[in-house]
Protein backbone atom coordinates (compact mmCIF):
# COMPACT_ATOMS: atom_id res chain seq x y z
CA MET A 1 -1.82 0.62 -14.02
CA THR A 2 -0.70 -0.14 -10.52
CA ILE A 3 1.73 1.16 -7.92
CA LEU A 4 3.03 -0.61 -4.82
CA VAL A 5 3.26 1.43 -1.64
CA THR A 6 5.13 0.02 1.34
CA GLY A 7 4.34 1.37 4.79
CA GLY A 8 1.06 2.73 3.46
CA ALA A 9 -0.82 2.50 6.77
CA GLY A 10 1.54 4.76 8.70
CA PHE A 11 1.01 8.50 9.05
CA ILE A 12 2.93 9.66 5.98
CA GLY A 13 2.24 6.58 3.87
CA SER A 14 -1.50 6.63 4.49
CA ASN A 15 -1.75 10.30 3.59
CA PHE A 16 0.10 9.58 0.37
CA VAL A 17 -2.25 6.65 -0.41
CA LEU A 18 -5.36 8.73 0.32
CA ASP A 19 -4.13 11.58 -1.85
CA TRP A 20 -3.06 9.24 -4.66
CA CYS A 21 -6.41 7.44 -4.71
CA ALA A 22 -8.25 10.77 -4.79
CA GLN A 23 -6.23 12.12 -7.71
CA HIS A 24 -5.41 9.09 -9.88
CA ASN A 25 -7.32 6.34 -11.60
CA GLU A 26 -4.76 3.72 -10.66
CA THR A 27 -4.71 0.74 -8.30
CA VAL A 28 -2.62 1.02 -5.14
CA ILE A 29 -1.25 -2.17 -3.62
CA ASN A 30 -0.61 -1.16 -0.02
CA LEU A 31 1.85 -3.37 1.89
CA ASP A 32 2.15 -2.74 5.62
CA ALA A 33 3.09 -4.94 8.58
CA LEU A 34 0.82 -2.95 10.94
CA THR A 35 3.42 -2.74 13.66
CA TYR A 36 3.89 0.30 15.92
CA ALA A 37 3.21 2.93 13.24
CA GLY A 38 0.68 1.27 10.95
CA ASN A 39 -3.01 1.84 11.61
CA LEU A 40 -5.82 0.76 9.29
CA GLU A 41 -8.03 3.51 10.72
CA ASN A 42 -5.87 5.91 8.70
CA LEU A 43 -7.30 4.27 5.57
CA ALA A 44 -10.93 3.87 6.69
CA THR A 45 -12.27 6.10 3.92
CA LEU A 46 -10.92 3.63 1.36
CA ASP A 47 -12.91 0.65 2.72
CA GLY A 48 -14.63 -1.01 -0.22
CA ASN A 49 -12.63 0.95 -2.79
CA PRO A 50 -11.46 -1.56 -5.42
CA ALA A 51 -8.55 0.73 -6.33
CA HIS A 52 -7.00 0.12 -2.89
CA VAL A 53 -5.69 -3.36 -2.12
CA PHE A 54 -4.31 -3.74 1.40
CA VAL A 55 -1.82 -6.54 2.09
CA ARG A 56 -0.63 -7.17 5.63
CA GLY A 57 3.00 -8.19 5.44
CA ASP A 58 6.61 -7.23 5.92
CA ILE A 59 8.86 -5.73 3.26
CA GLY A 60 11.54 -8.15 4.46
CA ASP A 61 9.43 -11.12 3.34
CA PHE A 62 11.13 -11.84 0.02
CA ASP A 63 8.53 -14.37 -1.16
CA LEU A 64 5.61 -12.05 -0.42
CA VAL A 65 7.20 -9.06 -2.16
CA ALA A 66 8.21 -11.22 -5.15
CA ARG A 67 4.64 -12.54 -5.42
CA LEU A 68 3.14 -9.03 -5.27
CA LEU A 69 5.56 -7.78 -7.93
CA ALA A 70 4.85 -10.76 -10.21
CA GLU A 71 1.09 -10.68 -9.69
CA HIS A 72 0.43 -6.94 -9.93
CA LYS A 73 3.39 -5.75 -12.04
CA PRO A 74 3.46 -2.27 -10.51
CA ARG A 75 4.96 0.52 -12.58
CA ALA A 76 6.47 2.04 -9.42
CA VAL A 77 7.33 1.14 -5.84
CA ILE A 78 7.09 3.91 -3.25
CA ASN A 79 8.62 3.14 0.14
CA PHE A 80 7.36 4.62 3.39
CA ALA A 81 8.17 1.53 5.48
CA ALA A 82 10.61 1.92 8.35
């Protein structure tokens, strides 16, 4: 199973992603534009973890979001993006 997290490199989003990955056996697709609030250092402990897939992009990019939804078929979308 898979979930899609938007804004998952920001302070709140990254803490959610870290906690989720530690407690669940489920893939997290993490979509973040890495603007003012996003920081990949927040997710450094997940480097190399196949259950965490980071995608740099904007939630306003319809084609990107549609492709992620079609490709990964997440059971839930959790929004932390501003």
